[in-house]
């Protein structure tokens, strides 16, 4: 008797999941059934201080996060969701001083202007700035692995914020 009721429960649950109008995943993303693709265009670079290649790295980080945490497929044109923008700020500033009035810690701040276009529901499109920072010792040169670590931390936060605003709707 228990197995018979359990079988009906499982069949009912499967039916409900197949008839829903959207897809839910464990990452908190609920997407309409007709949204299947996304496109990330090249992010331009408008910051005064130039660090070559970081715009490419940001584009890749955003693509990988969306691929990993959603069911969307990456396309190069005509995506249901379109991500465009530019890096508007790459700025290093001293944060804390020593007794000798020199910096003991610096802060790298990156700001990205995002234009999100929802090609299915135009009212959900928006433009917004995202920013995050990384603090590091003033004795460290921001290059090589130190720069890679800083960019990884900053991009992880900014891409997650973009993901939450555009897909998770948090």
N, C-alpha and C. Protein backbone atom coordinates (compact mmCIF):
# COMPACT_ATOMS: atom_id res chain seq x y z
N UNK A 1 0.81 -1.19 0.00
CA UNK A 1 0.00 0.00 0.00
C UNK A 1 0.86 1.26 0.00
N UNK A 2 1.93 1.25 0.81
CA UNK A 2 2.81 2.41 0.88
C UNK A 2 3.48 2.64 -0.46
N UNK A 3 3.92 1.58 -1.12
CA UNK A 3 4.59 1.73 -2.41
C UNK A 3 3.64 2.28 -3.47
N UNK A 4 2.37 1.89 -3.40
CA UNK A 4 1.38 2.37 -4.36
C UNK A 4 1.18 3.88 -4.17
N UNK A 5 1.04 4.34 -2.94
CA UNK A 5 0.88 5.77 -2.66
C UNK A 5 2.14 6.55 -3.03
N UNK A 6 3.29 5.97 -2.74
CA UNK A 6 4.56 6.61 -3.08
C UNK A 6 4.69 6.76 -4.59
N UNK A 7 4.27 5.75 -5.33
CA UNK A 7 4.33 5.80 -6.79
C UNK A 7 3.44 6.92 -7.31
N UNK A 8 2.23 7.08 -6.79
CA UNK A 8 1.33 8.15 -7.21
C UNK A 8 1.92 9.53 -6.86
N UNK A 9 2.55 9.61 -5.70
CA UNK A 9 3.17 10.86 -5.28
C UNK A 9 4.30 11.25 -6.23
N UNK A 10 5.14 10.30 -6.59
CA UNK A 10 6.26 10.57 -7.50
C UNK A 10 5.74 10.94 -8.88
N UNK A 11 4.75 10.24 -9.36
CA UNK A 11 4.16 10.56 -10.67
C UNK A 11 3.56 11.97 -10.64
N UNK A 12 2.86 12.30 -9.58
CA UNK A 12 2.27 13.64 -9.44
C UNK A 12 3.33 14.72 -9.39
N UNK A 13 4.39 14.47 -8.66
CA UNK A 13 5.49 15.43 -8.56
C UNK A 13 6.16 15.62 -9.92
N UNK A 14 6.38 14.54 -10.65
CA UNK A 14 6.97 14.64 -11.98
C UNK A 14 6.06 15.42 -12.91
N UNK A 15 4.77 15.19 -12.84
CA UNK A 15 3.82 15.91 -13.69
C UNK A 15 3.86 17.40 -13.39
N UNK A 16 3.86 17.77 -12.12
CA UNK A 16 3.91 19.18 -11.75
C UNK A 16 5.19 19.85 -12.23
N UNK A 17 6.30 19.15 -12.13
CA UNK A 17 7.56 19.76 -12.56
C UNK A 17 7.62 19.92 -14.08
N UNK A 18 6.99 19.03 -14.80
CA UNK A 18 6.99 19.14 -16.26
C UNK A 18 6.03 20.20 -16.77
N UNK A 19 4.99 20.52 -16.01
CA UNK A 19 4.01 21.48 -16.47
C UNK A 19 4.27 22.89 -15.98
N UNK A 20 5.31 23.11 -15.20
CA UNK A 20 5.59 24.46 -14.74
C UNK A 20 6.06 25.31 -15.90
N UNK A 21 5.93 26.63 -15.75
CA UNK A 21 6.27 27.53 -16.86
C UNK A 21 7.68 28.07 -16.75
N UNK A 22 8.43 27.64 -15.77
CA UNK A 22 9.81 28.10 -15.67
C UNK A 22 10.67 26.99 -15.09
N UNK A 23 11.97 27.23 -15.11
CA UNK A 23 12.94 26.25 -14.66
C UNK A 23 13.63 26.80 -13.43
N UNK A 24 13.69 26.00 -12.38
CA UNK A 24 14.34 26.42 -11.14
C UNK A 24 15.55 25.53 -10.91
N UNK A 25 16.63 26.15 -10.49
CA UNK A 25 17.82 25.37 -10.18
C UNK A 25 18.23 25.64 -8.74
N UNK A 26 19.16 24.89 -8.23
CA UNK A 26 19.61 25.06 -6.85
C UNK A 26 20.36 26.37 -6.64
N UNK A 27 20.80 27.03 -7.72
CA UNK A 27 21.50 28.30 -7.57
C UNK A 27 20.53 29.46 -7.37
N UNK A 28 19.24 29.19 -7.34
CA UNK A 28 18.27 30.24 -7.11
C UNK A 28 17.78 30.89 -8.38
N UNK A 29 18.09 30.33 -9.52
CA UNK A 29 17.73 30.91 -10.80
C UNK A 29 16.40 30.32 -11.28
N UNK A 30 15.46 31.19 -11.53
CA UNK A 30 14.20 30.80 -12.13
C UNK A 30 14.12 31.51 -13.47
N UNK A 31 14.17 30.75 -14.54
CA UNK A 31 14.16 31.34 -15.87
C UNK A 31 12.91 30.93 -16.63
N UNK A 32 12.36 31.84 -17.42
CA UNK A 32 11.24 31.45 -18.28
C UNK A 32 11.69 30.35 -19.24
N UNK A 33 10.75 29.49 -19.62
CA UNK A 33 11.08 28.36 -20.49
C UNK A 33 11.59 28.79 -21.84
N UNK A 34 11.19 29.98 -22.32
CA UNK A 34 11.60 30.42 -23.65
C UNK A 34 12.97 31.10 -23.67
N UNK A 35 13.60 31.27 -22.49
CA UNK A 35 14.94 31.86 -22.43
C UNK A 35 15.95 30.71 -22.40
N UNK A 36 16.76 30.65 -23.45
CA UNK A 36 17.69 29.53 -23.59
C UNK A 36 19.14 29.96 -23.78
N UNK A 37 19.37 31.20 -24.20
CA UNK A 37 20.73 31.63 -24.56
C UNK A 37 21.10 32.96 -23.93
N UNK A 38 22.40 33.18 -23.84
CA UNK A 38 22.92 34.48 -23.42
C UNK A 38 24.15 34.80 -24.25
N UNK A 39 24.43 36.08 -24.33
CA UNK A 39 25.55 36.58 -25.12
C UNK A 39 26.29 37.62 -24.29
N UNK A 40 27.61 37.52 -24.25
CA UNK A 40 28.43 38.51 -23.56
C UNK A 40 29.33 39.15 -24.61
N UNK A 41 29.06 40.41 -24.90
CA UNK A 41 29.88 41.13 -25.87
C UNK A 41 31.19 41.58 -25.21
N UNK A 42 32.13 41.96 -26.04
CA UNK A 42 33.41 42.49 -25.58
C UNK A 42 33.16 43.69 -24.67
N UNK A 43 33.79 43.71 -23.50
CA UNK A 43 33.69 44.84 -22.60
C UNK A 43 34.80 45.82 -22.93
N UNK A 44 34.43 47.05 -23.26
CA UNK A 44 35.40 48.08 -23.59
C UNK A 44 36.18 48.51 -22.36
N UNK A 45 37.15 49.37 -22.58
CA UNK A 45 38.01 49.83 -21.49
C UNK A 45 38.06 51.35 -21.54
N UNK A 46 37.50 52.00 -20.53
CA UNK A 46 37.48 53.45 -20.49
C UNK A 46 38.21 54.02 -19.28
N UNK A 47 38.82 53.19 -18.48
CA UNK A 47 39.53 53.65 -17.29
C UNK A 47 40.80 54.40 -17.68
N UNK A 48 41.20 55.34 -16.84
CA UNK A 48 42.39 56.14 -17.11
C UNK A 48 43.65 55.29 -16.99
N UNK A 49 43.76 54.53 -15.90
CA UNK A 49 44.90 53.64 -15.69
C UNK A 49 44.67 52.37 -16.49
N UNK A 50 45.61 52.00 -17.33
CA UNK A 50 45.42 50.88 -18.26
C UNK A 50 46.13 49.63 -17.74
N UNK A 51 45.40 48.53 -17.72
CA UNK A 51 45.96 47.21 -17.41
C UNK A 51 45.51 46.29 -18.53
N UNK A 52 46.39 46.00 -19.48
CA UNK A 52 46.00 45.23 -20.67
C UNK A 52 45.43 43.85 -20.35
N UNK A 53 44.36 43.51 -21.05
CA UNK A 53 43.80 42.17 -20.97
C UNK A 53 42.73 41.95 -19.92
N UNK A 54 42.55 42.90 -19.00
CA UNK A 54 41.59 42.64 -17.93
C UNK A 54 40.15 42.63 -18.44
N UNK A 55 39.88 43.34 -19.51
CA UNK A 55 38.52 43.34 -20.05
C UNK A 55 38.17 41.97 -20.64
N UNK A 56 39.13 41.33 -21.25
CA UNK A 56 38.93 39.97 -21.78
C UNK A 56 38.72 38.98 -20.63
N UNK A 57 39.53 39.12 -19.58
CA UNK A 57 39.41 38.24 -18.42
C UNK A 57 38.06 38.40 -17.74
N UNK A 58 37.56 39.65 -17.68
CA UNK A 58 36.25 39.86 -17.07
C UNK A 58 35.16 39.20 -17.90
N UNK A 59 35.21 39.35 -19.19
CA UNK A 59 34.21 38.74 -20.09
C UNK A 59 34.18 37.22 -19.89
N UNK A 60 35.34 36.62 -19.82
CA UNK A 60 35.43 35.17 -19.62
C UNK A 60 34.88 34.77 -18.25
N UNK A 61 35.20 35.54 -17.22
CA UNK A 61 34.71 35.24 -15.87
C UNK A 61 33.18 35.30 -15.82
N UNK A 62 32.60 36.29 -16.48
CA UNK A 62 31.14 36.41 -16.50
C UNK A 62 30.51 35.25 -17.27
N UNK A 63 31.08 34.91 -18.41
CA UNK A 63 30.56 33.78 -19.19
C UNK A 63 30.61 32.48 -18.39
N UNK A 64 31.74 32.22 -17.75
CA UNK A 64 31.91 30.98 -16.99
C UNK A 64 30.93 30.88 -15.82
N UNK A 65 30.71 32.00 -15.13
CA UNK A 65 29.77 31.99 -14.01
C UNK A 65 28.36 31.66 -14.49
N UNK A 66 27.92 32.30 -15.55
CA UNK A 66 26.57 32.05 -16.06
C UNK A 66 26.44 30.62 -16.57
N UNK A 67 27.45 30.12 -17.25
CA UNK A 67 27.41 28.73 -17.72
C UNK A 67 27.36 27.75 -16.55
N UNK A 68 28.13 28.03 -15.50
CA UNK A 68 28.20 27.13 -14.35
C UNK A 68 26.94 27.15 -13.49
N UNK A 69 26.27 28.30 -13.41
CA UNK A 69 25.17 28.43 -12.46
C UNK A 69 23.79 28.55 -13.10
N UNK A 70 23.70 28.34 -14.39
CA UNK A 70 22.39 28.38 -15.05
C UNK A 70 22.35 27.32 -16.15
N UNK A 71 21.22 27.18 -16.75
CA UNK A 71 21.05 26.23 -17.86
C UNK A 71 21.21 26.93 -19.22
N UNK A 72 21.55 28.21 -19.21
CA UNK A 72 21.66 28.97 -20.45
C UNK A 72 22.87 28.54 -21.27
N UNK A 73 22.72 28.63 -22.59
CA UNK A 73 23.82 28.33 -23.51
C UNK A 73 24.42 29.63 -24.01
N UNK A 74 25.73 29.65 -24.14
CA UNK A 74 26.45 30.83 -24.63
C UNK A 74 26.39 30.87 -26.15
N UNK A 75 26.02 32.03 -26.71
CA UNK A 75 26.00 32.24 -28.15
C UNK A 75 26.77 33.52 -28.46
N UNK A 76 27.17 33.68 -29.71
CA UNK A 76 27.93 34.87 -30.10
C UNK A 76 27.05 35.96 -30.70
N UNK A 77 25.79 35.63 -31.02
CA UNK A 77 24.86 36.66 -31.51
C UNK A 77 23.43 36.22 -31.25
N UNK A 78 22.54 37.19 -31.19
CA UNK A 78 21.11 36.97 -31.00
C UNK A 78 20.78 36.22 -29.71
N UNK A 79 21.48 36.50 -28.62
CA UNK A 79 21.20 35.87 -27.34
C UNK A 79 19.91 36.41 -26.74
N UNK A 80 19.20 35.55 -26.01
CA UNK A 80 17.99 36.00 -25.33
C UNK A 80 18.34 37.07 -24.29
N UNK A 81 19.46 36.89 -23.61
CA UNK A 81 19.97 37.88 -22.68
C UNK A 81 21.31 38.38 -23.23
N UNK A 82 21.49 39.69 -23.22
CA UNK A 82 22.70 40.30 -23.76
C UNK A 82 23.39 41.13 -22.68
N UNK A 83 24.68 40.86 -22.48
CA UNK A 83 25.50 41.59 -21.51
C UNK A 83 26.53 42.40 -22.28
N UNK A 84 26.53 43.72 -22.06
CA UNK A 84 27.48 44.62 -22.70
C UNK A 84 27.96 45.63 -21.66
N UNK A 85 29.06 46.26 -21.94
CA UNK A 85 29.52 47.30 -21.03
C UNK A 85 30.97 47.64 -21.21
N UNK A 86 31.52 48.28 -20.19
CA UNK A 86 32.91 48.69 -20.23
C UNK A 86 33.46 48.80 -18.81
N UNK A 87 34.77 48.64 -18.72
CA UNK A 87 35.47 48.88 -17.46
C UNK A 87 35.71 50.37 -17.39
N UNK A 88 35.11 51.01 -16.39
CA UNK A 88 35.18 52.47 -16.30
C UNK A 88 36.17 52.96 -15.26
N UNK A 89 36.62 52.04 -14.40
CA UNK A 89 37.56 52.47 -13.37
C UNK A 89 38.49 51.32 -12.99
N UNK A 90 39.77 51.60 -13.02
CA UNK A 90 40.83 50.72 -12.52
C UNK A 90 41.72 51.66 -11.73
N UNK A 91 41.58 51.62 -10.40
CA UNK A 91 42.16 52.66 -9.58
C UNK A 91 42.87 52.06 -8.37
N UNK A 92 44.10 52.51 -8.14
CA UNK A 92 44.87 52.09 -6.97
C UNK A 92 45.06 53.29 -6.06
N UNK A 93 44.71 53.11 -4.78
CA UNK A 93 44.83 54.21 -3.82
C UNK A 93 45.40 53.68 -2.51
N UNK A 94 46.20 54.51 -1.80
CA UNK A 94 46.69 54.12 -0.49
C UNK A 94 45.53 54.08 0.51
N UNK A 95 45.55 53.10 1.41
CA UNK A 95 44.44 52.95 2.36
C UNK A 95 44.83 53.26 3.80
N UNK A 96 45.95 52.74 4.25
CA UNK A 96 46.37 52.99 5.63
C UNK A 96 47.81 53.49 5.62
N UNK A 97 48.12 54.34 6.58
CA UNK A 97 49.45 54.94 6.63
C UNK A 97 50.25 54.39 7.81
N UNK A 98 51.57 54.45 7.66
CA UNK A 98 52.47 54.07 8.75
C UNK A 98 52.84 55.33 9.54
N UNK A 99 53.63 55.15 10.56
CA UNK A 99 54.08 56.30 11.36
C UNK A 99 54.95 57.24 10.54
N UNK A 100 55.54 56.74 9.47
CA UNK A 100 56.39 57.57 8.60
C UNK A 100 55.59 58.23 7.49
N UNK A 101 54.27 58.20 7.57
CA UNK A 101 53.37 58.80 6.58
C UNK A 101 53.50 58.16 5.19
N UNK A 102 53.82 56.88 5.17
CA UNK A 102 53.81 56.13 3.92
C UNK A 102 52.69 55.10 3.99
N UNK A 103 52.25 54.66 2.84
CA UNK A 103 51.15 53.70 2.81
C UNK A 103 51.61 52.33 3.27
N UNK A 104 50.81 51.70 4.09
CA UNK A 104 51.11 50.32 4.48
C UNK A 104 50.20 49.35 3.74
N UNK A 105 49.12 49.89 3.19
CA UNK A 105 48.19 49.06 2.45
C UNK A 105 47.58 49.88 1.31
N UNK A 106 47.41 49.22 0.17
CA UNK A 106 46.79 49.85 -1.00
C UNK A 106 45.49 49.15 -1.32
N UNK A 107 44.65 49.82 -2.09
CA UNK A 107 43.38 49.24 -2.51
C UNK A 107 43.23 49.40 -4.03
N UNK A 108 42.99 48.26 -4.69
CA UNK A 108 42.65 48.28 -6.11
C UNK A 108 41.14 48.24 -6.21
N UNK A 109 40.57 49.19 -6.93
CA UNK A 109 39.13 49.24 -7.15
C UNK A 109 38.87 49.15 -8.64
N UNK A 110 37.93 48.29 -9.01
CA UNK A 110 37.50 48.17 -10.41
C UNK A 110 36.01 48.45 -10.46
N UNK A 111 35.62 49.27 -11.43
CA UNK A 111 34.20 49.57 -11.64
C UNK A 111 33.84 49.18 -13.06
N UNK A 112 32.70 48.55 -13.19
CA UNK A 112 32.24 48.09 -14.51
C UNK A 112 30.84 48.62 -14.74
N UNK A 113 30.62 49.21 -15.89
CA UNK A 113 29.29 49.66 -16.29
C UNK A 113 28.68 48.55 -17.15
N UNK A 114 27.53 48.06 -16.72
CA UNK A 114 26.86 46.96 -17.43
C UNK A 114 25.57 47.44 -18.06
N UNK A 115 25.36 47.04 -19.31
CA UNK A 115 24.08 47.20 -19.97
C UNK A 115 23.53 45.80 -20.21
N UNK A 116 22.44 45.49 -19.52
CA UNK A 116 21.80 44.19 -19.65
C UNK A 116 20.54 44.37 -20.49
N UNK A 117 20.45 43.57 -21.55
CA UNK A 117 19.28 43.61 -22.42
C UNK A 117 18.59 42.26 -22.36
N UNK A 118 17.33 42.29 -21.95
CA UNK A 118 16.49 41.11 -21.97
C UNK A 118 15.69 41.18 -23.27
N UNK A 119 16.06 40.39 -24.25
CA UNK A 119 15.41 40.43 -25.55
C UNK A 119 14.05 39.76 -25.57
N UNK A 120 13.65 39.17 -24.46
CA UNK A 120 12.31 38.56 -24.34
C UNK A 120 11.33 39.50 -23.64
N UNK A 121 11.82 40.19 -22.59
CA UNK A 121 10.98 41.12 -21.83
C UNK A 121 11.77 42.42 -21.69
N UNK A 122 11.55 43.35 -22.61
CA UNK A 122 12.33 44.58 -22.69
C UNK A 122 12.30 45.39 -21.39
N UNK A 123 11.21 45.32 -20.63
CA UNK A 123 11.08 46.09 -19.39
C UNK A 123 12.10 45.65 -18.34
N UNK A 124 12.66 44.48 -18.47
CA UNK A 124 13.64 43.99 -17.50
C UNK A 124 15.08 44.40 -17.86
N UNK A 125 15.26 45.09 -18.95
CA UNK A 125 16.59 45.57 -19.35
C UNK A 125 16.98 46.75 -18.46
N UNK A 126 18.29 46.91 -18.22
CA UNK A 126 18.76 48.01 -17.38
C UNK A 126 20.23 48.28 -17.63
N UNK A 127 20.69 49.41 -17.09
CA UNK A 127 22.10 49.77 -17.09
C UNK A 127 22.48 50.09 -15.65
N UNK A 128 23.63 49.55 -15.20
CA UNK A 128 24.03 49.73 -13.80
C UNK A 128 25.54 49.61 -13.66
N UNK A 129 26.10 50.33 -12.70
CA UNK A 129 27.53 50.23 -12.39
C UNK A 129 27.74 49.24 -11.24
N UNK A 130 28.78 48.45 -11.39
CA UNK A 130 29.18 47.48 -10.35
C UNK A 130 30.63 47.77 -9.99
N UNK A 131 30.95 47.68 -8.71
CA UNK A 131 32.29 47.99 -8.26
C UNK A 131 32.67 47.08 -7.10
N UNK A 132 33.95 46.76 -7.03
CA UNK A 132 34.47 46.03 -5.89
C UNK A 132 35.96 46.33 -5.77
N UNK A 133 36.56 45.95 -4.64
CA UNK A 133 37.95 46.31 -4.37
C UNK A 133 38.71 45.13 -3.79
N UNK A 134 40.03 45.29 -3.75
CA UNK A 134 40.93 44.31 -3.15
C UNK A 134 42.03 45.09 -2.46
N UNK A 135 42.24 44.82 -1.17
CA UNK A 135 43.30 45.46 -0.41
C UNK A 135 44.53 44.57 -0.38
N UNK A 136 45.70 45.18 -0.49
CA UNK A 136 46.95 44.44 -0.49
C UNK A 136 48.06 45.28 0.13
N UNK A 137 49.12 44.63 0.53
CA UNK A 137 50.24 45.30 1.18
C UNK A 137 50.89 46.29 0.21
N UNK A 138 51.27 47.44 0.75
CA UNK A 138 51.93 48.45 -0.08
C UNK A 138 53.33 47.98 -0.52
N UNK A 139 53.86 46.96 0.15
CA UNK A 139 55.16 46.41 -0.23
C UNK A 139 55.05 45.45 -1.41
N UNK A 140 53.84 45.13 -1.83
CA UNK A 140 53.61 44.19 -2.93
C UNK A 140 53.42 44.94 -4.24
N UNK A 141 54.13 44.50 -5.25
CA UNK A 141 53.92 45.05 -6.59
C UNK A 141 52.69 44.36 -7.19
N UNK A 142 51.76 45.16 -7.69
CA UNK A 142 50.54 44.59 -8.24
C UNK A 142 50.79 44.13 -9.68
N UNK A 143 51.39 42.96 -9.76
CA UNK A 143 51.68 42.33 -11.05
C UNK A 143 51.79 40.82 -10.83
N UNK A 144 51.75 40.07 -11.90
CA UNK A 144 51.88 38.62 -11.81
C UNK A 144 50.80 38.00 -10.95
N UNK A 145 51.22 37.12 -10.02
CA UNK A 145 50.23 36.39 -9.21
C UNK A 145 49.48 37.32 -8.26
N UNK A 146 50.09 38.40 -7.81
CA UNK A 146 49.39 39.36 -6.93
C UNK A 146 48.23 40.01 -7.68
N UNK A 147 48.47 40.39 -8.92
CA UNK A 147 47.41 40.98 -9.75
C UNK A 147 46.35 39.93 -10.07
N UNK A 148 46.77 38.72 -10.39
CA UNK A 148 45.81 37.65 -10.69
C UNK A 148 44.88 37.39 -9.51
N UNK A 149 45.44 37.37 -8.29
CA UNK A 149 44.64 37.16 -7.10
C UNK A 149 43.65 38.30 -6.90
N UNK A 150 44.12 39.53 -7.06
CA UNK A 150 43.25 40.69 -6.90
C UNK A 150 42.10 40.65 -7.90
N UNK A 151 42.41 40.37 -9.16
CA UNK A 151 41.37 40.32 -10.19
C UNK A 151 40.38 39.19 -9.94
N UNK A 152 40.88 38.06 -9.48
CA UNK A 152 39.99 36.92 -9.19
C UNK A 152 38.98 37.28 -8.10
N UNK A 153 39.44 37.92 -7.04
CA UNK A 153 38.56 38.32 -5.94
C UNK A 153 37.54 39.35 -6.43
N UNK A 154 38.01 40.35 -7.14
CA UNK A 154 37.13 41.42 -7.61
C UNK A 154 36.12 40.88 -8.62
N UNK A 155 36.59 40.11 -9.59
CA UNK A 155 35.68 39.58 -10.62
C UNK A 155 34.66 38.61 -10.04
N UNK A 156 35.09 37.83 -9.05
CA UNK A 156 34.15 36.89 -8.43
C UNK A 156 32.97 37.64 -7.82
N UNK A 157 33.24 38.74 -7.14
CA UNK A 157 32.18 39.50 -6.50
C UNK A 157 31.31 40.23 -7.54
N UNK A 158 31.95 40.90 -8.49
CA UNK A 158 31.17 41.66 -9.48
C UNK A 158 30.33 40.74 -10.35
N UNK A 159 30.90 39.63 -10.82
CA UNK A 159 30.12 38.73 -11.67
C UNK A 159 28.97 38.11 -10.88
N UNK A 160 29.18 37.81 -9.61
CA UNK A 160 28.09 37.26 -8.80
C UNK A 160 26.99 38.30 -8.60
N UNK A 161 27.37 39.56 -8.39
CA UNK A 161 26.37 40.63 -8.27
C UNK A 161 25.56 40.77 -9.56
N UNK A 162 26.24 40.71 -10.70
CA UNK A 162 25.55 40.79 -12.00
C UNK A 162 24.62 39.60 -12.17
N UNK A 163 25.11 38.42 -11.86
CA UNK A 163 24.30 37.20 -11.94
C UNK A 163 23.04 37.33 -11.08
N UNK A 164 23.21 37.79 -9.85
CA UNK A 164 22.08 37.94 -8.95
C UNK A 164 21.05 38.94 -9.48
N UNK A 165 21.51 40.05 -10.04
CA UNK A 165 20.60 41.06 -10.56
C UNK A 165 19.89 40.64 -11.85
N UNK A 166 20.57 39.86 -12.69
CA UNK A 166 20.00 39.55 -13.99
C UNK A 166 19.32 38.19 -14.06
N UNK A 167 19.77 37.23 -13.29
CA UNK A 167 19.22 35.88 -13.37
C UNK A 167 18.53 35.44 -12.09
N UNK A 168 19.12 35.68 -10.95
CA UNK A 168 18.52 35.24 -9.69
C UNK A 168 17.48 36.24 -9.21
N UNK A 169 17.55 37.46 -9.71
CA UNK A 169 16.60 38.54 -9.34
C UNK A 169 16.57 38.77 -7.84
N UNK A 170 17.75 38.78 -7.21
CA UNK A 170 17.85 39.04 -5.77
C UNK A 170 17.96 40.51 -5.51
